[in-house]
Amino acid sequence: MVKDEKENLSATDLLHLRFAADPQISSDGDLVAYAVHRVLPSDDVYASDIYVCDVDAGDVQRFTHGDSRDVHPRWSPDGKLLAFLSNRPI
């Protein structure tokens, strides 16, 4: 639905934004891993998950999930393994 009037962005709208960061291409160039950040309003902190995209197919799969901060994905030299930093409890 298109409105005739412009809608202003509110502070609560910002809580729904997600942004991608730190893209890493696998050694064969077939996959891209990246972090997607979001706000957890209840805790007033950021959380992030790692996603992996198949470049040729355009398919995106969530690699991690939860309320932790999973960041800085890095491929192993052979491109078979993906490492990342996290603050999740052990």
Protein backbone atom coordinates (compact mmCIF):
# COMPACT_ATOMS: atom_id res chain seq x y z
CA MET A 1 0.00 0.00 0.00
CA VAL A 2 1.36 3.40 -0.99
CA LYS A 3 0.61 6.37 1.21
CA ASP A 4 0.16 9.89 -0.10
CA GLU A 5 2.16 11.40 2.74
CA LYS A 6 5.75 10.69 3.67
CA GLU A 7 6.24 8.62 6.77
CA ASN A 8 8.91 9.73 9.18
CA LEU A 9 11.41 7.28 10.55
CA SER A 10 10.98 6.85 14.28
CA ALA A 11 13.46 5.73 16.93
CA THR A 12 11.62 2.42 17.31
CA ASP A 13 11.97 1.80 13.57
CA LEU A 14 15.73 1.70 14.06
CA LEU A 15 15.32 -1.31 16.34
CA HIS A 16 14.09 -3.34 13.37
CA LEU A 17 17.04 -2.58 11.10
CA ARG A 18 19.51 -5.31 10.23
CA PHE A 19 22.84 -4.71 8.55
CA ALA A 20 25.42 -6.98 6.97
CA ALA A 21 29.14 -6.67 7.64
CA ASP A 22 32.52 -8.29 7.09
CA PRO A 23 31.91 -10.33 3.91
CA GLN A 24 34.45 -13.11 3.36
CA ILE A 25 34.79 -14.98 0.06
CA SER A 26 35.82 -18.65 0.14
CA SER A 27 39.07 -19.58 -1.64
CA ASP A 28 37.19 -21.11 -4.59
CA GLY A 29 34.97 -18.02 -4.88
CA ASP A 30 31.77 -20.07 -4.59
CA LEU A 31 30.61 -18.90 -1.15
CA VAL A 32 30.45 -15.66 0.80
CA ALA A 33 30.12 -15.64 4.60
CA TYR A 34 29.05 -12.49 6.43
CA ALA A 35 27.61 -11.32 9.75
CA VAL A 36 24.13 -9.79 10.07
CA HIS A 37 23.72 -7.48 13.07
CA ARG A 38 20.48 -6.57 14.84
CA VAL A 39 19.41 -4.87 18.08
CA LEU A 40 17.96 -6.84 20.98
CA PRO A 41 15.71 -4.16 22.49
CA SER A 42 14.97 -6.15 25.63
CA ASP A 43 18.68 -6.28 26.52
CA ASP A 44 19.73 -3.05 24.78
CA VAL A 45 22.58 -4.85 23.00
CA TYR A 46 23.47 -6.02 19.49
CA ALA A 47 23.24 -9.64 18.42
CA SER A 48 24.55 -11.07 15.18
CA ASP A 49 24.40 -14.25 13.16
CA ILE A 50 26.60 -15.63 10.40
CA TYR A 51 25.07 -16.22 6.97
CA VAL A 52 26.53 -18.04 3.96
CA CYS A 53 25.56 -17.21 0.38
CA ASP A 54 26.14 -19.46 -2.64
CA VAL A 55 27.35 -16.95 -5.23
CA ASP A 56 26.16 -18.81 -8.34
CA ALA A 57 22.74 -19.92 -7.05
CA GLY A 58 22.11 -16.85 -4.91
CA ASP A 59 20.93 -19.09 -2.07
CA VAL A 60 21.47 -17.75 1.44
CA GLN A 61 21.56 -19.97 4.52
CA ARG A 62 21.81 -18.93 8.14
CA PHE A 63 24.92 -20.55 9.61
CA THR A 64 24.38 -19.50 13.25
CA HIS A 65 21.30 -18.51 15.20
CA GLY A 66 20.61 -17.03 18.61
CA ASP A 67 21.00 -13.96 20.77
CA SER A 68 24.79 -14.05 20.89
CA ARG A 69 27.25 -12.02 18.84
CA ASP A 70 28.69 -14.25 16.14
CA VAL A 71 31.14 -12.13 14.16
CA HIS A 72 34.24 -12.10 11.92
CA PRO A 73 33.66 -15.24 9.80
CA ARG A 74 36.82 -16.59 8.21
CA TRP A 75 37.26 -19.46 5.76
CA SER A 76 39.98 -22.06 6.17
CA PRO A 77 42.60 -21.94 3.38
CA ASP A 78 40.93 -24.85 1.57
CA GLY A 79 37.48 -23.22 1.90
CA LYS A 80 35.92 -26.25 3.61
CA LEU A 81 35.66 -24.87 7.16
CA LEU A 82 34.28 -21.64 8.54
CA ALA A 83 35.47 -20.14 11.83
CA PHE A 84 33.98 -17.17 13.67
CA LEU A 85 34.19 -15.36 16.99
CA SER A 86 31.28 -15.54 19.43
CA ASN A 87 30.32 -14.47 22.92
CA ARG A 88 27.98 -17.44 23.36
CA PRO A 89 28.33 -19.37 26.62
CA ILE A 90 30.32 -22.59 26.54
